[in-house]
PDB file of N, CA and C in Angstrom:
ATOM      1  N   UNK A   1     -13.158  -2.378  -8.840  1.00  0.00           N
ATOM      2  CA  UNK A   1     -11.723  -2.581  -8.788  1.00  0.00           C
ATOM      3  C   UNK A   1     -11.040  -1.468  -9.576  1.00  0.00           C
ATOM      4  N   UNK A   2      -9.949  -0.976  -9.058  1.00  0.00           N
ATOM      5  CA  UNK A   2      -9.210   0.113  -9.705  1.00  0.00           C
ATOM      6  C   UNK A   2      -8.362  -0.413 -10.855  1.00  0.00           C
ATOM      7  N   UNK A   3      -8.106   0.473 -11.803  1.00  0.00           N
ATOM      8  CA  UNK A   3      -7.163   0.142 -12.861  1.00  0.00           C
ATOM      9  C   UNK A   3      -5.752   0.203 -12.280  1.00  0.00           C
ATOM     10  N   UNK A   4      -4.780  -0.332 -13.001  1.00  0.00           N
ATOM     11  CA  UNK A   4      -3.397  -0.269 -12.520  1.00  0.00           C
ATOM     12  C   UNK A   4      -2.929   1.172 -12.399  1.00  0.00           C
ATOM     13  N   UNK A   5      -3.332   2.019 -13.332  1.00  0.00           N
ATOM     14  CA  UNK A   5      -2.941   3.438 -13.265  1.00  0.00           C
ATOM     15  C   UNK A   5      -3.524   4.091 -12.013  1.00  0.00           C
ATOM     16  N   UNK A   6      -4.781   3.790 -11.700  1.00  0.00           N
ATOM     17  CA  UNK A   6      -5.406   4.351 -10.494  1.00  0.00           C
ATOM     18  C   UNK A   6      -4.716   3.836  -9.235  1.00  0.00           C
ATOM     19  N   UNK A   7      -4.365   2.558  -9.252  1.00  0.00           N
ATOM     20  CA  UNK A   7      -3.683   1.965  -8.108  1.00  0.00           C
ATOM     21  C   UNK A   7      -2.308   2.592  -7.893  1.00  0.00           C
ATOM     22  N   UNK A   8      -1.554   2.788  -8.981  1.00  0.00           N
ATOM     23  CA  UNK A   8      -0.241   3.439  -8.861  1.00  0.00           C
ATOM     24  C   UNK A   8      -0.393   4.866  -8.333  1.00  0.00           C
ATOM     25  N   UNK A   9      -1.368   5.574  -8.849  1.00  0.00           N
ATOM     26  CA  UNK A   9      -1.594   6.951  -8.398  1.00  0.00           C
ATOM     27  C   UNK A   9      -1.957   6.987  -6.913  1.00  0.00           C
ATOM     28  N   UNK A  10      -2.864   6.114  -6.494  1.00  0.00           N
ATOM     29  CA  UNK A  10      -3.262   6.068  -5.085  1.00  0.00           C
ATOM     30  C   UNK A  10      -2.072   5.676  -4.207  1.00  0.00           C
ATOM     31  N   UNK A  11      -1.262   4.734  -4.685  1.00  0.00           N
ATOM     32  CA  UNK A  11      -0.080   4.324  -3.933  1.00  0.00           C
ATOM     33  C   UNK A  11       0.901   5.465  -3.769  1.00  0.00           C
ATOM     34  N   UNK A  12       1.126   6.217  -4.831  1.00  0.00           N
ATOM     35  CA  UNK A  12       2.042   7.363  -4.746  1.00  0.00           C
ATOM     36  C   UNK A  12       1.506   8.408  -3.774  1.00  0.00           C
ATOM     37  N   UNK A  13       0.201   8.675  -3.849  1.00  0.00           N
ATOM     38  CA  UNK A  13      -0.395   9.642  -2.922  1.00  0.00           C
ATOM     39  C   UNK A  13      -0.243   9.162  -1.474  1.00  0.00           C
ATOM     40  N   UNK A  14      -0.430   7.854  -1.248  1.00  0.00           N
ATOM     41  CA  UNK A  14      -0.292   7.304   0.107  1.00  0.00           C
ATOM     42  C   UNK A  14       1.150   7.434   0.597  1.00  0.00           C
ATOM     43  N   UNK A  15       2.108   7.099  -0.270  1.00  0.00           N
ATOM     44  CA  UNK A  15       3.517   7.230   0.112  1.00  0.00           C
ATOM     45  C   UNK A  15       3.868   8.679   0.431  1.00  0.00           C
ATOM     46  N   UNK A  16       3.451   9.581  -0.414  1.00  0.00           N
ATOM     47  CA  UNK A  16       3.770  11.000  -0.208  1.00  0.00           C
ATOM     48  C   UNK A  16       3.108  11.516   1.064  1.00  0.00           C
ATOM     49  N   UNK A  17       1.857  11.089   1.302  1.00  0.00           N
ATOM     50  CA  UNK A  17       1.170  11.515   2.536  1.00  0.00           C
ATOM     51  C   UNK A  17       1.886  10.997   3.776  1.00  0.00           C
ATOM     52  N   UNK A  18       2.351   9.748   3.700  1.00  0.00           N
ATOM     53  CA  UNK A  18       2.988   9.133   4.866  1.00  0.00           C
ATOM     54  C   UNK A  18       4.420   9.589   5.068  1.00  0.00           C
ATOM     55  N   UNK A  19       5.156   9.794   3.970  1.00  0.00           N
ATOM     56  CA  UNK A  19       6.593  10.043   4.072  1.00  0.00           C
ATOM     57  C   UNK A  19       7.034  11.442   3.655  1.00  0.00           C
ATOM     58  N   UNK A  20       6.206  12.134   2.924  1.00  0.00           N
ATOM     59  CA  UNK A  20       6.628  13.388   2.306  1.00  0.00           C
ATOM     60  C   UNK A  20       7.236  13.079   0.944  1.00  0.00           C
ATOM     61  N   UNK A  21       7.305  14.072   0.095  1.00  0.00           N
ATOM     62  CA  UNK A  21       7.739  13.876  -1.282  1.00  0.00           C
ATOM     63  C   UNK A  21       9.158  13.326  -1.383  1.00  0.00           C
ATOM     64  N   UNK A  22      10.088  13.923  -0.668  1.00  0.00           N
ATOM     65  CA  UNK A  22      11.491  13.514  -0.780  1.00  0.00           C
ATOM     66  C   UNK A  22      11.693  12.100  -0.242  1.00  0.00           C
ATOM     67  N   UNK A  23      11.140  11.800   0.923  1.00  0.00           N
ATOM     68  CA  UNK A  23      11.304  10.468   1.508  1.00  0.00           C
ATOM     69  C   UNK A  23      10.583   9.406   0.683  1.00  0.00           C
ATOM     70  N   UNK A  24       9.452   9.735   0.089  1.00  0.00           N
ATOM     71  CA  UNK A  24       8.755   8.787  -0.791  1.00  0.00           C
ATOM     72  C   UNK A  24       9.640   8.438  -1.980  1.00  0.00           C
ATOM     73  N   UNK A  25      10.275   9.432  -2.558  1.00  0.00           N
ATOM     74  CA  UNK A  25      11.180   9.189  -3.686  1.00  0.00           C
ATOM     75  C   UNK A  25      12.379   8.351  -3.239  1.00  0.00           C
ATOM     76  N   UNK A  26      12.919   8.636  -2.067  1.00  0.00           N
ATOM     77  CA  UNK A  26      14.039   7.841  -1.554  1.00  0.00           C
ATOM     78  C   UNK A  26      13.627   6.386  -1.353  1.00  0.00           C
ATOM     79  N   UNK A  27      12.412   6.177  -0.832  1.00  0.00           N
ATOM     80  CA  UNK A  27      11.908   4.822  -0.635  1.00  0.00           C
ATOM     81  C   UNK A  27      11.809   4.082  -1.970  1.00  0.00           C
ATOM     82  N   UNK A  28      11.231   4.722  -2.968  1.00  0.00           N
ATOM     83  CA  UNK A  28      11.083   4.086  -4.278  1.00  0.00           C
ATOM     84  C   UNK A  28      12.444   3.758  -4.890  1.00  0.00           C
ATOM     85  N   UNK A  29      13.391   4.650  -4.750  1.00  0.00           N
ATOM     86  CA  UNK A  29      14.727   4.400  -5.286  1.00  0.00           C
ATOM     87  C   UNK A  29      15.398   3.238  -4.553  1.00  0.00           C
ATOM     88  N   UNK A  30      15.234   3.174  -3.238  1.00  0.00           N
ATOM     89  CA  UNK A  30      15.832   2.090  -2.460  1.00  0.00           C
ATOM     90  C   UNK A  30      15.239   0.742  -2.858  1.00  0.00           C
ATOM     91  N   UNK A  31      13.945   0.691  -3.044  1.00  0.00           N
ATOM     92  CA  UNK A  31      13.285  -0.559  -3.424  1.00  0.00           C
ATOM     93  C   UNK A  31      13.700  -0.976  -4.834  1.00  0.00           C
ATOM     94  N   UNK A  32      13.791  -0.037  -5.747  1.00  0.00           N
ATOM     95  CA  UNK A  32      14.128  -0.399  -7.121  1.00  0.00           C
ATOM     96  C   UNK A  32      15.616  -0.730  -7.277  1.00  0.00           C
ATOM     97  N   UNK A  33      16.451  -0.198  -6.421  1.00  0.00           N
ATOM     98  CA  UNK A  33      17.892  -0.379  -6.516  1.00  0.00           C
ATOM     99  C   UNK A  33      18.335  -1.724  -5.940  1.00  0.00           C
ATOM    100  N   UNK A  34      17.638  -2.209  -4.939  1.00  0.00           N
ATOM    101  CA  UNK A  34      18.038  -3.416  -4.235  1.00  0.00           C
ATOM    102  C   UNK A  34      17.183  -4.603  -4.644  1.00  0.00           C
ATOM    103  N   UNK A  35      17.738  -5.785  -4.435  1.00  0.00           N
ATOM    104  CA  UNK A  35      16.948  -6.997  -4.596  1.00  0.00           C
ATOM    105  C   UNK A  35      15.879  -6.972  -3.507  1.00  0.00           C
ATOM    106  N   UNK A  36      14.635  -7.146  -3.884  1.00  0.00           N
ATOM    107  CA  UNK A  36      13.542  -6.983  -2.934  1.00  0.00           C
ATOM    108  C   UNK A  36      12.560  -8.128  -3.094  1.00  0.00           C
ATOM    109  N   UNK A  37      12.431  -8.943  -2.063  1.00  0.00           N
ATOM    110  CA  UNK A  37      11.497 -10.056  -2.056  1.00  0.00           C
ATOM    111  C   UNK A  37      10.329  -9.659  -1.163  1.00  0.00           C
ATOM    112  N   UNK A  38       9.236  -9.228  -1.781  1.00  0.00           N
ATOM    113  CA  UNK A  38       8.088  -8.734  -1.020  1.00  0.00           C
ATOM    114  C   UNK A  38       7.555  -9.802  -0.077  1.00  0.00           C
ATOM    115  N   UNK A  39       7.459 -11.035  -0.538  1.00  0.00           N
ATOM    116  CA  UNK A  39       6.912 -12.106   0.298  1.00  0.00           C
ATOM    117  C   UNK A  39       7.742 -12.288   1.558  1.00  0.00           C
ATOM    118  N   UNK A  40       9.043 -12.301   1.404  1.00  0.00           N
ATOM    119  CA  UNK A  40       9.932 -12.440   2.560  1.00  0.00           C
ATOM    120  C   UNK A  40       9.825 -11.218   3.478  1.00  0.00           C
ATOM    121  N   UNK A  41       9.778 -10.036   2.881  1.00  0.00           N
ATOM    122  CA  UNK A  41       9.651  -8.806   3.663  1.00  0.00           C
ATOM    123  C   UNK A  41       8.353  -8.816   4.465  1.00  0.00           C
ATOM    124  N   UNK A  42       7.257  -9.222   3.815  1.00  0.00           N
ATOM    125  CA  UNK A  42       5.958  -9.244   4.489  1.00  0.00           C
ATOM    126  C   UNK A  42       5.978 -10.204   5.672  1.00  0.00           C
ATOM    127  N   UNK A  43       6.616 -11.346   5.506  1.00  0.00           N
ATOM    128  CA  UNK A  43       6.685 -12.333   6.593  1.00  0.00           C
ATOM    129  C   UNK A  43       7.367 -11.770   7.836  1.00  0.00           C
ATOM    130  N   UNK A  44       8.348 -10.896   7.635  1.00  0.00           N
ATOM    131  CA  UNK A  44       9.149 -10.434   8.759  1.00  0.00           C
ATOM    132  C   UNK A  44       8.835  -9.021   9.239  1.00  0.00           C
ATOM    133  N   UNK A  45       8.166  -8.211   8.433  1.00  0.00           N
ATOM    134  CA  UNK A  45       8.028  -6.796   8.784  1.00  0.00           C
ATOM    135  C   UNK A  45       6.599  -6.287   8.899  1.00  0.00           C
ATOM    136  N   UNK A  46       5.643  -7.031   8.432  1.00  0.00           N
ATOM    137  CA  UNK A  46       4.253  -6.589   8.600  1.00  0.00           C
ATOM    138  C   UNK A  46       3.644  -7.326   9.780  1.00  0.00           C
ATOM    139  N   UNK A  47       2.696  -6.689  10.453  1.00  0.00           N
ATOM    140  CA  UNK A  47       2.089  -7.367  11.605  1.00  0.00           C
ATOM    141  C   UNK A  47       1.386  -8.652  11.160  1.00  0.00           C
ATOM    142  N   UNK A  48       1.402  -9.626  12.040  1.00  0.00           N
ATOM    143  CA  UNK A  48       0.703 -10.873  11.756  1.00  0.00           C
ATOM    144  C   UNK A  48      -0.781 -10.652  11.995  1.00  0.00           C
ATOM    145  N   UNK A  49      -1.547 -10.683  10.930  1.00  0.00           N
ATOM    146  CA  UNK A  49      -2.990 -10.485  11.004  1.00  0.00           C
ATOM    147  C   UNK A  49      -3.641 -11.722  10.404  1.00  0.00           C
ATOM    148  N   UNK A  50      -4.561 -12.330  11.118  1.00  0.00           N
ATOM    149  CA  UNK A  50      -5.258 -13.476  10.528  1.00  0.00           C
ATOM    150  C   UNK A  50      -5.947 -13.074   9.225  1.00  0.00           C
ATOM    151  N   UNK A  51      -6.030 -14.003   8.300  1.00  0.00           N
ATOM    152  CA  UNK A  51      -6.614 -13.732   6.989  1.00  0.00           C
ATOM    153  C   UNK A  51      -8.017 -13.152   7.102  1.00  0.00           C
ATOM    154  N   UNK A  52      -8.812 -13.674   8.012  1.00  0.00           N
ATOM    155  CA  UNK A  52     -10.188 -13.182   8.177  1.00  0.00           C
ATOM    156  C   UNK A  52     -10.194 -11.709   8.594  1.00  0.00           C
ATOM    157  N   UNK A  53      -9.283 -11.343   9.481  1.00  0.00           N
ATOM    158  CA  UNK A  53      -9.197  -9.942   9.921  1.00  0.00           C
ATOM    159  C   UNK A  53      -8.715  -9.047   8.794  1.00  0.00           C
ATOM    160  N   UNK A  54      -7.733  -9.512   8.032  1.00  0.00           N
ATOM    161  CA  UNK A  54      -7.252  -8.747   6.888  1.00  0.00           C
ATOM    162  C   UNK A  54      -8.377  -8.536   5.874  1.00  0.00           C
ATOM    163  N   UNK A  55      -9.154  -9.577   5.601  1.00  0.00           N
ATOM    164  CA  UNK A  55     -10.287  -9.460   4.674  1.00  0.00           C
ATOM    165  C   UNK A  55     -11.319  -8.482   5.211  1.00  0.00           C
ATOM    166  N   UNK A  56     -11.586  -8.534   6.510  1.00  0.00           N
ATOM    167  CA  UNK A  56     -12.555  -7.608   7.115  1.00  0.00           C
ATOM    168  C   UNK A  56     -12.089  -6.166   6.967  1.00  0.00           C
ATOM    169  N   UNK A  57     -10.809  -5.925   7.250  1.00  0.00           N
ATOM    170  CA  UNK A  57     -10.263  -4.574   7.120  1.00  0.00           C
ATOM    171  C   UNK A  57     -10.282  -4.101   5.662  1.00  0.00           C
ATOM    172  N   UNK A  58      -9.954  -4.993   4.749  1.00  0.00           N
ATOM    173  CA  UNK A  58      -9.979  -4.640   3.331  1.00  0.00           C
ATOM    174  C   UNK A  58     -11.399  -4.288   2.891  1.00  0.00           C
ATOM    175  N   UNK A  59     -12.384  -5.048   3.348  1.00  0.00           N
ATOM    176  CA  UNK A  59     -13.775  -4.750   2.993  1.00  0.00           C
ATOM    177  C   UNK A  59     -14.228  -3.412   3.564  1.00  0.00           C
ATOM    178  N   UNK A  60     -13.824  -3.121   4.795  1.00  0.00           N
ATOM    179  CA  UNK A  60     -14.160  -1.818   5.384  1.00  0.00           C
ATOM    180  C   UNK A  60     -13.551  -0.675   4.571  1.00  0.00           C
ATOM    181  N   UNK A  61     -12.304  -0.847   4.160  1.00  0.00           N
ATOM    182  CA  UNK A  61     -11.640   0.185   3.360  1.00  0.00           C
ATOM    183  C   UNK A  61     -12.316   0.342   2.005  1.00  0.00           C
ATOM    184  N   UNK A  62     -12.703  -0.765   1.385  1.00  0.00           N
ATOM    185  CA  UNK A  62     -13.408  -0.700   0.095  1.00  0.00           C
ATOM    186  C   UNK A  62     -14.731   0.038   0.244  1.00  0.00           C
ATOM    187  N   UNK A  63     -15.451  -0.229   1.321  1.00  0.00           N
ATOM    188  CA  UNK A  63     -16.706   0.478   1.576  1.00  0.00           C
ATOM    189  C   UNK A  63     -16.461   1.965   1.796  1.00  0.00           C
ATOM    190  N   UNK A  64     -15.416   2.287   2.555  1.00  0.00           N
ATOM    191  CA  UNK A  64     -15.094   3.693   2.811  1.00  0.00           C
ATOM    192  C   UNK A  64     -14.781   4.425   1.500  1.00  0.00           C
ATOM    193  N   UNK A  65     -14.006   3.778   0.646  1.00  0.00           N
ATOM    194  CA  UNK A  65     -13.663   4.387  -0.631  1.00  0.00           C
ATOM    195  C   UNK A  65     -14.892   4.540  -1.520  1.00  0.00           C
ATOM    196  N   UNK A  66     -15.768   3.542  -1.507  1.00  0.00           N
ATOM    197  CA  UNK A  66     -16.997   3.622  -2.310  1.00  0.00           C
ATOM    198  C   UNK A  66     -17.871   4.775  -1.814  1.00  0.00           C
ATOM    199  N   UNK A  67     -18.016   4.910  -0.502  1.00  0.00           N
ATOM    200  CA  UNK A  67     -18.806   6.000   0.066  1.00  0.00           C
ATOM    201  C   UNK A  67     -18.185   7.346  -0.303  1.00  0.00           C
ATOM    202  N   UNK A  68     -16.850   7.402  -0.314  1.00  0.00           N
ATOM    203  CA  UNK A  68     -16.140   8.644  -0.628  1.00  0.00           C
ATOM    204  C   UNK A  68     -16.378   9.066  -2.083  1.00  0.00           C
ATOM    205  N   UNK A  69     -16.485   8.094  -2.980  1.00  0.00           N
ATOM    206  CA  UNK A  69     -16.688   8.377  -4.406  1.00  0.00           C
ATOM    207  C   UNK A  69     -18.126   8.758  -4.708  1.00  0.00           C
ATOM    208  N   UNK A  70     -19.070   8.332  -3.867  1.00  0.00           N
ATOM    209  CA  UNK A  70     -20.500   8.601  -4.127  1.00  0.00           C
ATOM    210  C   UNK A  70     -20.861  10.037  -3.852  1.00  0.00           C
TER     211      UNK A  70
END
């Protein structure tokens, strides 16, 4: 399991990779500036994935990351 610092760093790298530096910063500012209910947002904006499928995908990603570190 990653430390919180590692998780924040990986999250920032993912945002920058997906959005670019400027858009990643705009996203972070928008989220911090507004009232943001992650649970409500997830219910309406993320794809509906059964828990078993989400767990399977998470395990695959964990394995990929472990292989990458080895």
